[in-house]
């Protein structure tokens, strides 16, 4: 398991009530690293957070870990079966690409 995957696994397991349901898939291609996260439906709100702030913080931290390893890290959070959270919205908005920002900018993003 790579360091970015270990990091994401640790962070997510600390946030959810069902850590055994956490599944992370990691793919590497020419665009960088794509990590896909699945959690129990009841834990989805804990991962997204109010106004998406928790998901944004996790993505920012992953971007920092990626920069340390010279990799672009993207996180996709899979919607659980039967969810209506994205009804009427574009599901592609759920994927946020890490850009080539500096570590300082990524740290600044965490200050809320």
PDB file of N, CA and C in Angstrom:
ATOM      1  N   UNK A   1       0.849  -1.182   0.000  1.00  0.00           N
ATOM      2  CA  UNK A   1       0.000   0.000   0.000  1.00  0.00           C
ATOM      3  C   UNK A   1       0.893   1.244   0.000  1.00  0.00           C
ATOM      4  N   UNK A   2       0.568   2.189  -0.864  1.00  0.00           N
ATOM      5  CA  UNK A   2       1.364   3.407  -0.987  1.00  0.00           C
ATOM      6  C   UNK A   2       1.049   4.380   0.151  1.00  0.00           C
ATOM      7  N   UNK A   3       1.944   5.348   0.358  1.00  0.00           N
ATOM      8  CA  UNK A   3       1.796   6.271   1.484  1.00  0.00           C
ATOM      9  C   UNK A   3       0.530   7.110   1.393  1.00  0.00           C
ATOM     10  N   UNK A   4       0.136   7.530   0.176  1.00  0.00           N
ATOM     11  CA  UNK A   4      -1.082   8.319   0.056  1.00  0.00           C
ATOM     12  C   UNK A   4      -2.324   7.484   0.381  1.00  0.00           C
ATOM     13  N   UNK A   5      -2.298   6.225  -0.002  1.00  0.00           N
ATOM     14  CA  UNK A   5      -3.429   5.339   0.290  1.00  0.00           C
ATOM     15  C   UNK A   5      -3.493   5.036   1.796  1.00  0.00           C
ATOM     16  N   UNK A   6      -2.344   4.801   2.412  1.00  0.00           N
ATOM     17  CA  UNK A   6      -2.303   4.570   3.859  1.00  0.00           C
ATOM     18  C   UNK A   6      -2.825   5.794   4.603  1.00  0.00           C
ATOM     19  N   UNK A   7      -2.412   6.975   4.153  1.00  0.00           N
ATOM     20  CA  UNK A   7      -2.847   8.213   4.785  1.00  0.00           C
ATOM     21  C   UNK A   7      -4.365   8.360   4.700  1.00  0.00           C
ATOM     22  N   UNK A   8      -4.914   8.184   3.501  1.00  0.00           N
ATOM     23  CA  UNK A   8      -6.362   8.318   3.319  1.00  0.00           C
ATOM     24  C   UNK A   8      -7.108   7.280   4.156  1.00  0.00           C
ATOM     25  N   UNK A   9      -6.620   6.053   4.172  1.00  0.00           N
ATOM     26  CA  UNK A   9      -7.253   4.988   4.957  1.00  0.00           C
ATOM     27  C   UNK A   9      -7.295   5.388   6.433  1.00  0.00           C
ATOM     28  N   UNK A  10      -6.186   5.872   6.970  1.00  0.00           N
ATOM     29  CA  UNK A  10      -6.121   6.256   8.377  1.00  0.00           C
ATOM     30  C   UNK A  10      -7.101   7.388   8.685  1.00  0.00           C
ATOM     31  N   UNK A  11      -7.083   8.444   7.874  1.00  0.00           N
ATOM     32  CA  UNK A  11      -7.936   9.605   8.127  1.00  0.00           C
ATOM     33  C   UNK A  11      -9.419   9.220   8.079  1.00  0.00           C
ATOM     34  N   UNK A  12      -9.803   8.507   7.041  1.00  0.00           N
ATOM     35  CA  UNK A  12     -11.212   8.151   6.868  1.00  0.00           C
ATOM     36  C   UNK A  12     -11.685   7.213   7.978  1.00  0.00           C
ATOM     37  N   UNK A  13     -10.864   6.235   8.343  1.00  0.00           N
ATOM     38  CA  UNK A  13     -11.261   5.306   9.401  1.00  0.00           C
ATOM     39  C   UNK A  13     -11.469   6.014  10.737  1.00  0.00           C
ATOM     40  N   UNK A  14     -10.762   7.120  10.954  1.00  0.00           N
ATOM     41  CA  UNK A  14     -10.943   7.871  12.202  1.00  0.00           C
ATOM     42  C   UNK A  14     -12.247   8.671  12.203  1.00  0.00           C
ATOM     43  N   UNK A  15     -12.770   8.982  11.022  1.00  0.00           N
ATOM     44  CA  UNK A  15     -13.971   9.810  10.915  1.00  0.00           C
ATOM     45  C   UNK A  15     -15.274   9.020  10.933  1.00  0.00           C
ATOM     46  N   UNK A  16     -15.251   7.777  10.498  1.00  0.00           N
ATOM     47  CA  UNK A  16     -16.487   7.019  10.291  1.00  0.00           C
ATOM     48  C   UNK A  16     -16.816   6.110  11.470  1.00  0.00           C
ATOM     49  N   UNK A  17     -18.087   5.683  11.520  1.00  0.00           N
ATOM     50  CA  UNK A  17     -18.529   4.735  12.544  1.00  0.00           C
ATOM     51  C   UNK A  17     -18.279   3.286  12.132  1.00  0.00           C
ATOM     52  N   UNK A  18     -18.203   3.030  10.825  1.00  0.00           N
ATOM     53  CA  UNK A  18     -17.978   1.677  10.313  1.00  0.00           C
ATOM     54  C   UNK A  18     -16.658   1.617   9.530  1.00  0.00           C
ATOM     55  N   UNK A  19     -15.521   1.579  10.227  1.00  0.00           N
ATOM     56  CA  UNK A  19     -14.230   1.572   9.525  1.00  0.00           C
ATOM     57  C   UNK A  19     -14.019   0.336   8.652  1.00  0.00           C
ATOM     58  N   UNK A  20     -14.690  -0.770   8.961  1.00  0.00           N
ATOM     59  CA  UNK A  20     -14.530  -1.983   8.141  1.00  0.00           C
ATOM     60  C   UNK A  20     -15.168  -1.833   6.769  1.00  0.00           C
ATOM     61  N   UNK A  21     -16.061  -0.856   6.613  1.00  0.00           N
ATOM     62  CA  UNK A  21     -16.731  -0.643   5.323  1.00  0.00           C
ATOM     63  C   UNK A  21     -15.930   0.269   4.396  1.00  0.00           C
ATOM     64  N   UNK A  22     -14.841   0.846   4.875  1.00  0.00           N
ATOM     65  CA  UNK A  22     -14.024   1.758   4.064  1.00  0.00           C
ATOM     66  C   UNK A  22     -13.240   0.968   3.024  1.00  0.00           C
ATOM     67  N   UNK A  23     -13.412   1.361   1.764  1.00  0.00           N
ATOM     68  CA  UNK A  23     -12.680   0.725   0.669  1.00  0.00           C
ATOM     69  C   UNK A  23     -12.047   1.818  -0.187  1.00  0.00           C
ATOM     70  N   UNK A  24     -10.772   1.651  -0.465  1.00  0.00           N
ATOM     71  CA  UNK A  24     -10.044   2.622  -1.273  1.00  0.00           C
ATOM     72  C   UNK A  24      -9.417   1.894  -2.456  1.00  0.00           C
ATOM     73  N   UNK A  25      -9.690   2.412  -3.647  1.00  0.00           N
ATOM     74  CA  UNK A  25      -9.095   1.883  -4.867  1.00  0.00           C
ATOM     75  C   UNK A  25      -8.130   2.940  -5.394  1.00  0.00           C
ATOM     76  N   UNK A  26      -6.925   2.545  -5.741  1.00  0.00           N
ATOM     77  CA  UNK A  26      -5.899   3.481  -6.220  1.00  0.00           C
ATOM     78  C   UNK A  26      -5.485   3.093  -7.632  1.00  0.00           C
ATOM     79  N   UNK A  27      -5.587   4.056  -8.555  1.00  0.00           N
ATOM     80  CA  UNK A  27      -5.167   3.841  -9.947  1.00  0.00           C
ATOM     81  C   UNK A  27      -4.167   4.913 -10.328  1.00  0.00           C
ATOM     82  N   UNK A  28      -3.152   4.527 -11.049  1.00  0.00           N
ATOM     83  CA  UNK A  28      -2.151   5.469 -11.545  1.00  0.00           C
ATOM     84  C   UNK A  28      -2.209   5.451 -13.066  1.00  0.00           C
ATOM     85  N   UNK A  29      -2.292   6.649 -13.664  1.00  0.00           N
ATOM     86  CA  UNK A  29      -2.249   6.765 -15.121  1.00  0.00           C
ATOM     87  C   UNK A  29      -1.470   8.020 -15.483  1.00  0.00           C
ATOM     88  N   UNK A  30      -1.545   8.420 -16.758  1.00  0.00           N
ATOM     89  CA  UNK A  30      -0.765   9.582 -17.201  1.00  0.00           C
ATOM     90  C   UNK A  30      -1.219  10.886 -16.557  1.00  0.00           C
ATOM     91  N   UNK A  31      -2.433  10.924 -16.015  1.00  0.00           N
ATOM     92  CA  UNK A  31      -2.947  12.133 -15.361  1.00  0.00           C
ATOM     93  C   UNK A  31      -2.529  12.217 -13.896  1.00  0.00           C
ATOM     94  N   UNK A  32      -2.035  11.138 -13.328  1.00  0.00           N
ATOM     95  CA  UNK A  32      -1.643  11.122 -11.923  1.00  0.00           C
ATOM     96  C   UNK A  32      -2.277   9.957 -11.198  1.00  0.00           C
ATOM     97  N   UNK A  33      -2.600  10.176  -9.946  1.00  0.00           N
ATOM     98  CA  UNK A  33      -3.165   9.140  -9.095  1.00  0.00           C
ATOM     99  C   UNK A  33      -4.645   9.446  -8.874  1.00  0.00           C
ATOM    100  N   UNK A  34      -5.499   8.458  -9.102  1.00  0.00           N
ATOM    101  CA  UNK A  34      -6.918   8.593  -8.807  1.00  0.00           C
ATOM    102  C   UNK A  34      -7.245   7.639  -7.676  1.00  0.00           C
ATOM    103  N   UNK A  35      -7.707   8.189  -6.571  1.00  0.00           N
ATOM    104  CA  UNK A  35      -8.118   7.373  -5.440  1.00  0.00           C
ATOM    105  C   UNK A  35      -9.637   7.448  -5.347  1.00  0.00           C
ATOM    106  N   UNK A  36     -10.269   6.282  -5.286  1.00  0.00           N
ATOM    107  CA  UNK A  36     -11.715   6.193  -5.217  1.00  0.00           C
ATOM    108  C   UNK A  36     -12.082   5.672  -3.837  1.00  0.00           C
ATOM    109  N   UNK A  37     -12.961   6.397  -3.157  1.00  0.00           N
ATOM    110  CA  UNK A  37     -13.323   6.076  -1.775  1.00  0.00           C
ATOM    111  C   UNK A  37     -14.766   5.601  -1.705  1.00  0.00           C
ATOM    112  N   UNK A  38     -14.980   4.480  -1.027  1.00  0.00           N
ATOM    113  CA  UNK A  38     -16.313   3.972  -0.730  1.00  0.00           C
ATOM    114  C   UNK A  38     -16.441   3.848   0.777  1.00  0.00           C
ATOM    115  N   UNK A  39     -17.552   4.350   1.324  1.00  0.00           N
ATOM    116  CA  UNK A  39     -17.841   4.213   2.751  1.00  0.00           C
ATOM    117  C   UNK A  39     -19.280   3.741   2.900  1.00  0.00           C
ATOM    118  N   UNK A  40     -19.645   3.348   4.120  1.00  0.00           N
ATOM    119  CA  UNK A  40     -21.017   2.943   4.403  1.00  0.00           C
ATOM    120  C   UNK A  40     -21.944   4.137   4.173  1.00  0.00           C
ATOM    121  N   UNK A  41     -23.153   3.910   3.674  1.00  0.00           N
ATOM    122  CA  UNK A  41     -24.082   5.025   3.422  1.00  0.00           C
ATOM    123  C   UNK A  41     -24.304   5.918   4.649  1.00  0.00           C
ATOM    124  N   UNK A  42     -24.343   5.334   5.832  1.00  0.00           N
ATOM    125  CA  UNK A  42     -24.566   6.121   7.046  1.00  0.00           C
ATOM    126  C   UNK A  42     -23.387   7.037   7.372  1.00  0.00           C
ATOM    127  N   UNK A  43     -22.206   6.721   6.850  1.00  0.00           N
ATOM    128  CA  UNK A  43     -21.005   7.518   7.124  1.00  0.00           C
ATOM    129  C   UNK A  43     -20.734   8.583   6.073  1.00  0.00           C
ATOM    130  N   UNK A  44     -21.520   8.620   5.025  1.00  0.00           N
ATOM    131  CA  UNK A  44     -21.263   9.547   3.917  1.00  0.00           C
ATOM    132  C   UNK A  44     -21.244  10.996   4.398  1.00  0.00           C
ATOM    133  N   UNK A  45     -22.159  11.373   5.252  1.00  0.00           N
ATOM    134  CA  UNK A  45     -22.217  12.745   5.751  1.00  0.00           C
ATOM    135  C   UNK A  45     -20.978  13.137   6.533  1.00  0.00           C
ATOM    136  N   UNK A  46     -20.398  12.182   7.241  1.00  0.00           N
ATOM    137  CA  UNK A  46     -19.189  12.467   8.022  1.00  0.00           C
ATOM    138  C   UNK A  46     -18.004  12.737   7.107  1.00  0.00           C
ATOM    139  N   UNK A  47     -17.976  12.074   5.950  1.00  0.00           N
ATOM    140  CA  UNK A  47     -16.872  12.260   5.006  1.00  0.00           C
ATOM    141  C   UNK A  47     -17.041  13.551   4.214  1.00  0.00           C
ATOM    142  N   UNK A  48     -18.262  13.856   3.807  1.00  0.00           N
ATOM    143  CA  UNK A  48     -18.510  15.081   3.044  1.00  0.00           C
ATOM    144  C   UNK A  48     -18.423  16.299   3.956  1.00  0.00           C
ATOM    145  N   UNK A  49     -19.056  16.240   5.111  1.00  0.00           N
ATOM    146  CA  UNK A  49     -19.034  17.360   6.053  1.00  0.00           C
ATOM    147  C   UNK A  49     -19.990  18.463   5.633  1.00  0.00           C
ATOM    148  N   UNK A  50     -20.180  19.410   6.515  1.00  0.00           N
ATOM    149  CA  UNK A  50     -21.072  20.530   6.237  1.00  0.00           C
ATOM    150  C   UNK A  50     -20.512  21.362   5.088  1.00  0.00           C
ATOM    151  N   UNK A  51     -21.332  21.571   4.090  1.00  0.00           N
ATOM    152  CA  UNK A  51     -20.953  22.322   2.876  1.00  0.00           C
ATOM    153  C   UNK A  51     -19.725  21.728   2.180  1.00  0.00           C
ATOM    154  N   UNK A  52     -19.453  20.460   2.410  1.00  0.00           N
ATOM    155  CA  UNK A  52     -18.322  19.804   1.753  1.00  0.00           C
ATOM    156  C   UNK A  52     -16.971  20.133   2.355  1.00  0.00           C
ATOM    157  N   UNK A  53     -16.961  20.754   3.528  1.00  0.00           N
ATOM    158  CA  UNK A  53     -15.693  21.198   4.111  1.00  0.00           C
ATOM    159  C   UNK A  53     -14.766  20.049   4.498  1.00  0.00           C
ATOM    160  N   UNK A  54     -15.320  18.954   5.001  1.00  0.00           N
ATOM    161  CA  UNK A  54     -14.468  17.819   5.378  1.00  0.00           C
ATOM    162  C   UNK A  54     -13.839  17.199   4.136  1.00  0.00           C
ATOM    163  N   UNK A  55     -14.636  16.999   3.085  1.00  0.00           N
ATOM    164  CA  UNK A  55     -14.103  16.444   1.838  1.00  0.00           C
ATOM    165  C   UNK A  55     -13.026  17.365   1.265  1.00  0.00           C
ATOM    166  N   UNK A  56     -13.250  18.654   1.324  1.00  0.00           N
ATOM    167  CA  UNK A  56     -12.265  19.615   0.811  1.00  0.00           C
ATOM    168  C   UNK A  56     -10.955  19.517   1.600  1.00  0.00           C
ATOM    169  N   UNK A  57     -11.062  19.399   2.920  1.00  0.00           N
ATOM    170  CA  UNK A  57      -9.863  19.291   3.755  1.00  0.00           C
ATOM    171  C   UNK A  57      -9.100  18.003   3.451  1.00  0.00           C
ATOM    172  N   UNK A  58      -9.836  16.888   3.273  1.00  0.00           N
ATOM    173  CA  UNK A  58      -9.187  15.618   2.948  1.00  0.00           C
ATOM    174  C   UNK A  58      -8.463  15.740   1.607  1.00  0.00           C
ATOM    175  N   UNK A  59      -9.112  16.352   0.623  1.00  0.00           N
ATOM    176  CA  UNK A  59      -8.488  16.522  -0.699  1.00  0.00           C
ATOM    177  C   UNK A  59      -7.242  17.407  -0.609  1.00  0.00           C
ATOM    178  N   UNK A  60      -7.313  18.454   0.203  1.00  0.00           N
ATOM    179  CA  UNK A  60      -6.154  19.341   0.366  1.00  0.00           C
ATOM    180  C   UNK A  60      -4.987  18.596   0.997  1.00  0.00           C
ATOM    181  N   UNK A  61      -5.272  17.808   2.027  1.00  0.00           N
ATOM    182  CA  UNK A  61      -4.209  17.025   2.666  1.00  0.00           C
ATOM    183  C   UNK A  61      -3.622  15.999   1.699  1.00  0.00           C
ATOM    184  N   UNK A  62      -4.477  15.375   0.892  1.00  0.00           N
ATOM    185  CA  UNK A  62      -3.975  14.429  -0.113  1.00  0.00           C
ATOM    186  C   UNK A  62      -3.101  15.133  -1.142  1.00  0.00           C
ATOM    187  N   UNK A  63      -3.455  16.358  -1.476  1.00  0.00           N
ATOM    188  CA  UNK A  63      -2.641  17.129  -2.418  1.00  0.00           C
ATOM    189  C   UNK A  63      -1.249  17.366  -1.834  1.00  0.00           C
ATOM    190  N   UNK A  64      -1.174  17.655  -0.533  1.00  0.00           N
ATOM    191  CA  UNK A  64       0.118  17.864   0.123  1.00  0.00           C
ATOM    192  C   UNK A  64       0.932  16.573   0.116  1.00  0.00           C
ATOM    193  N   UNK A  65       0.282  15.454   0.451  1.00  0.00           N
ATOM    194  CA  UNK A  65       0.974  14.161   0.423  1.00  0.00           C
ATOM    195  C   UNK A  65       1.457  13.864  -0.995  1.00  0.00           C
ATOM    196  N   UNK A  66       0.623  14.155  -1.985  1.00  0.00           N
ATOM    197  CA  UNK A  66       1.009  13.940  -3.378  1.00  0.00           C
ATOM    198  C   UNK A  66       2.194  14.785  -3.795  1.00  0.00           C
ATOM    199  N   UNK A  67       2.193  16.052  -3.381  1.00  0.00           N
ATOM    200  CA  UNK A  67       3.316  16.937  -3.732  1.00  0.00           C
ATOM    201  C   UNK A  67       4.616  16.430  -3.126  1.00  0.00           C
ATOM    202  N   UNK A  68       4.527  15.886  -1.934  1.00  0.00           N
ATOM    203  CA  UNK A  68       5.717  15.342  -1.288  1.00  0.00           C
ATOM    204  C   UNK A  68       6.295  14.191  -2.112  1.00  0.00           C
ATOM    205  N   UNK A  69       5.412  13.458  -2.797  1.00  0.00           N
ATOM    206  CA  UNK A  69       5.832  12.316  -3.614  1.00  0.00           C
ATOM    207  C   UNK A  69       5.857  12.641  -5.108  1.00  0.00           C
ATOM    208  N   UNK A  70       5.800  13.935  -5.453  1.00  0.00           N
ATOM    209  CA  UNK A  70       5.813  14.383  -6.848  1.00  0.00           C
ATOM    210  C   UNK A  70       4.711  13.730  -7.684  1.00  0.00           C
ATOM    211  N   UNK A  71       3.503  13.697  -7.128  1.00  0.00           N
ATOM    212  CA  UNK A  71       2.377  13.086  -7.829  1.00  0.00           C
ATOM    213  C   UNK A  71       1.148  13.976  -7.704  1.00  0.00           C
ATOM    214  N   UNK A  72       0.310  13.940  -8.743  1.00  0.00           N
ATOM    215  CA  UNK A  72      -0.994  14.618  -8.700  1.00  0.00           C
ATOM    216  C   UNK A  72      -1.994  13.612  -8.152  1.00  0.00           C
ATOM    217  N   UNK A  73      -2.631  13.957  -7.055  1.00  0.00           N
ATOM    218  CA  UNK A  73      -3.576  13.038  -6.427  1.00  0.00           C
ATOM    219  C   UNK A  73      -4.980  13.596  -6.547  1.00  0.00           C
ATOM    220  N   UNK A  74      -5.892  12.793  -7.086  1.00  0.00           N
ATOM    221  CA  UNK A  74      -7.299  13.144  -7.201  1.00  0.00           C
ATOM    222  C   UNK A  74      -8.095  12.182  -6.330  1.00  0.00           C
ATOM    223  N   UNK A  75      -9.149  12.684  -5.712  1.00  0.00           N
ATOM    224  CA  UNK A  75     -10.006  11.852  -4.870  1.00  0.00           C
ATOM    225  C   UNK A  75     -11.426  11.889  -5.399  1.00  0.00           C
ATOM    226  N   UNK A  76     -11.966  10.710  -5.638  1.00  0.00           N
ATOM    227  CA  UNK A  76     -13.370  10.586  -6.009  1.00  0.00           C
ATOM    228  C   UNK A  76     -14.072   9.859  -4.877  1.00  0.00           C
ATOM    229  N   UNK A  77     -15.136  10.454  -4.371  1.00  0.00           N
ATOM    230  CA  UNK A  77     -15.921   9.830  -3.321  1.00  0.00           C
ATOM    231  C   UNK A  77     -17.159   9.246  -3.979  1.00  0.00           C
ATOM    232  N   UNK A  78     -17.255   7.926  -3.977  1.00  0.00           N
ATOM    233  CA  UNK A  78     -18.385   7.257  -4.620  1.00  0.00           C
ATOM    234  C   UNK A  78     -19.660   7.455  -3.809  1.00  0.00           C
ATOM    235  N   UNK A  79     -20.721   7.744  -4.522  1.00  0.00           N
ATOM    236  CA  UNK A  79     -22.030   7.915  -3.903  1.00  0.00           C
ATOM    237  C   UNK A  79     -22.604   6.537  -3.575  1.00  0.00           C
ATOM    238  N   UNK A  80     -23.086   6.330  -2.337  1.00  0.00           N
ATOM    239  CA  UNK A  80     -23.661   5.025  -1.992  1.00  0.00           C
ATOM    240  C   UNK A  80     -24.929   4.736  -2.799  1.00  0.00           C
ATOM    241  N   UNK A  81     -25.257   3.474  -2.937  1.00  0.00           N
ATOM    242  CA  UNK A  81     -26.444   3.033  -3.669  1.00  0.00           C
ATOM    243  C   UNK A  81     -27.708   3.638  -3.069  1.00  0.00           C
ATOM    244  N   UNK A  82     -28.558   4.201  -3.932  1.00  0.00           N
ATOM    245  CA  UNK A  82     -29.842   4.736  -3.479  1.00  0.00           C
ATOM    246  C   UNK A  82     -29.784   6.156  -2.939  1.00  0.00           C
ATOM    247  N   UNK A  83     -28.645   6.801  -2.998  1.00  0.00           N
ATOM    248  CA  UNK A  83     -28.519   8.158  -2.481  1.00  0.00           C
ATOM    249  C   UNK A  83     -29.137   9.165  -3.446  1.00  0.00           C
ATOM    250  N   UNK A  84     -29.655  10.270  -2.892  1.00  0.00           N
ATOM    251  CA  UNK A  84     -30.231  11.327  -3.723  1.00  0.00           C
ATOM    252  C   UNK A  84     -29.446  12.617  -3.591  1.00  0.00           C
ATOM    253  N   UNK A  85     -28.278  12.561  -3.003  1.00  0.00           N
ATOM    254  CA  UNK A  85     -27.484  13.762  -2.744  1.00  0.00           C
ATOM    255  C   UNK A  85     -27.208  14.563  -4.003  1.00  0.00           C
ATOM    256  N   UNK A  86     -26.912  13.889  -5.124  1.00  0.00           N
ATOM    257  CA  UNK A  86     -26.554  14.588  -6.349  1.00  0.00           C
ATOM    258  C   UNK A  86     -27.720  14.685  -7.327  1.00  0.00           C
ATOM    259  N   UNK A  87     -28.926  14.508  -6.851  1.00  0.00           N
ATOM    260  CA  UNK A  87     -30.083  14.579  -7.755  1.00  0.00           C
ATOM    261  C   UNK A  87     -30.109  15.935  -8.441  1.00  0.00           C
ATOM    262  N   UNK A  88     -30.108  15.933  -9.776  1.00  0.00           N
ATOM    263  CA  UNK A  88     -30.159  17.177 -10.534  1.00  0.00           C
ATOM    264  C   UNK A  88     -28.819  17.855 -10.697  1.00  0.00           C
ATOM    265  N   UNK A  89     -27.770  17.342 -10.079  1.00  0.00           N
ATOM    266  CA  UNK A  89     -26.445  17.948 -10.204  1.00  0.00           C
ATOM    267  C   UNK A  89     -25.573  17.076 -11.092  1.00  0.00           C
ATOM    268  N   UNK A  90     -24.497  17.629 -11.534  1.00  0.00           N
ATOM    269  CA  UNK A  90     -23.538  16.893 -12.339  1.00  0.00           C
ATOM    270  C   UNK A  90     -22.645  16.082 -11.410  1.00  0.00           C
ATOM    271  N   UNK A  91     -22.669  14.768 -11.531  1.00  0.00           N
ATOM    272  CA  UNK A  91     -21.878  13.905 -10.656  1.00  0.00           C
ATOM    273  C   UNK A  91     -20.376  14.135 -10.821  1.00  0.00           C
ATOM    274  N   UNK A  92     -19.951  14.670 -11.956  1.00  0.00           N
ATOM    275  CA  UNK A  92     -18.528  14.899 -12.177  1.00  0.00           C
ATOM    276  C   UNK A  92     -17.966  15.944 -11.211  1.00  0.00           C
ATOM    277  N   UNK A  93     -18.828  16.739 -10.610  1.00  0.00           N
ATOM    278  CA  UNK A  93     -18.357  17.723  -9.633  1.00  0.00           C
ATOM    279  C   UNK A  93     -17.800  17.050  -8.393  1.00  0.00           C
ATOM    280  N   UNK A  94     -18.039  15.760  -8.247  1.00  0.00           N
ATOM    281  CA  UNK A  94     -17.562  15.029  -7.089  1.00  0.00           C
ATOM    282  C   UNK A  94     -16.065  14.719  -7.179  1.00  0.00           C
ATOM    283  N   UNK A  95     -15.470  14.905  -8.343  1.00  0.00           N
ATOM    284  CA  UNK A  95     -14.039  14.680  -8.520  1.00  0.00           C
ATOM    285  C   UNK A  95     -13.357  16.039  -8.570  1.00  0.00           C
ATOM    286  N   UNK A  96     -12.405  16.245  -7.686  1.00  0.00           N
ATOM    287  CA  UNK A  96     -11.671  17.505  -7.664  1.00  0.00           C
ATOM    288  C   UNK A  96     -10.208  17.199  -7.944  1.00  0.00           C
ATOM    289  N   UNK A  97      -9.694  17.755  -8.988  1.00  0.00           N
ATOM    290  CA  UNK A  97      -8.308  17.492  -9.375  1.00  0.00           C
ATOM    291  C   UNK A  97      -7.360  18.331  -8.529  1.00  0.00           C
ATOM    292  N   UNK A  98      -6.293  17.706  -8.125  1.00  0.00           N
ATOM    293  CA  UNK A  98      -5.244  18.432  -7.417  1.00  0.00           C
ATOM    294  C   UNK A  98      -4.414  19.166  -8.461  1.00  0.00           C
ATOM    295  N   UNK A  99      -4.186  20.442  -8.247  1.00  0.00           N
ATOM    296  CA  UNK A  99      -3.400  21.185  -9.225  1.00  0.00           C
ATOM    297  C   UNK A  99      -1.954  21.279  -8.768  1.00  0.00           C
ATOM    298  N   UNK A 100      -1.165  22.042  -9.479  1.00  0.00           N
ATOM    299  CA  UNK A 100       0.257  22.117  -9.159  1.00  0.00           C
ATOM    300  C   UNK A 100       0.550  23.268  -8.204  1.00  0.00           C
ATOM    301  N   UNK A 101      -0.379  23.521  -7.279  1.00  0.00           N
ATOM    302  CA  UNK A 101      -0.186  24.581  -6.287  1.00  0.00           C
ATOM    303  C   UNK A 101       0.970  24.206  -5.365  1.00  0.00           C
ATOM    304  N   UNK A 102       1.493  25.202  -4.716  1.00  0.00           N
ATOM    305  CA  UNK A 102       2.592  24.959  -3.797  1.00  0.00           C
ATOM    306  C   UNK A 102       2.066  24.373  -2.495  1.00  0.00           C
ATOM    307  N   UNK A 103       2.972  23.823  -1.722  1.00  0.00           N
ATOM    308  CA  UNK A 103       2.593  23.296  -0.408  1.00  0.00           C
ATOM    309  C   UNK A 103       2.027  24.417   0.449  1.00  0.00           C
ATOM    310  N   UNK A 104       2.586  25.621   0.340  1.00  0.00           N
ATOM    311  CA  UNK A 104       2.084  26.754   1.117  1.00  0.00           C
ATOM    312  C   UNK A 104       0.632  27.056   0.781  1.00  0.00           C
ATOM    313  N   UNK A 105       0.257  26.987  -0.496  1.00  0.00           N
ATOM    314  CA  UNK A 105      -1.127  27.243  -0.893  1.00  0.00           C
ATOM    315  C   UNK A 105      -2.041  26.153  -0.345  1.00  0.00           C
ATOM    316  N   UNK A 106      -1.586  24.899  -0.386  1.00  0.00           N
ATOM    317  CA  UNK A 106      -2.392  23.799   0.133  1.00  0.00           C
ATOM    318  C   UNK A 106      -2.617  23.969   1.633  1.00  0.00           C
ATOM    319  N   UNK A 107      -1.592  24.391   2.346  1.00  0.00           N
ATOM    320  CA  UNK A 107      -1.728  24.629   3.794  1.00  0.00           C
ATOM    321  C   UNK A 107      -2.687  25.795   4.022  1.00  0.00           C
ATOM    322  N   UNK A 108      -2.594  26.820   3.220  1.00  0.00           N
ATOM    323  CA  UNK A 108      -3.477  27.993   3.336  1.00  0.00           C
ATOM    324  C   UNK A 108      -4.940  27.599   3.131  1.00  0.00           C
ATOM    325  N   UNK A 109      -5.191  26.637   2.225  1.00  0.00           N
ATOM    326  CA  UNK A 109      -6.556  26.170   1.964  1.00  0.00           C
ATOM    327  C   UNK A 109      -7.180  25.558   3.208  1.00  0.00           C
ATOM    328  N   UNK A 110      -6.355  24.992   4.082  1.00  0.00           N
ATOM    329  CA  UNK A 110      -6.874  24.353   5.292  1.00  0.00           C
ATOM    330  C   UNK A 110      -7.335  25.362   6.337  1.00  0.00           C
ATOM    331  N   UNK A 111      -6.844  26.578   6.263  1.00  0.00           N
ATOM    332  CA  UNK A 111      -7.245  27.606   7.238  1.00  0.00           C
ATOM    333  C   UNK A 111      -8.636  28.085   6.883  1.00  0.00           C
ATOM    334  N   UNK A 112      -9.572  27.837   7.776  1.00  0.00           N
ATOM    335  CA  UNK A 112     -10.965  28.176   7.489  1.00  0.00           C
ATOM    336  C   UNK A 112     -11.419  29.364   8.291  1.00  0.00           C
TER     337      UNK A 112
END
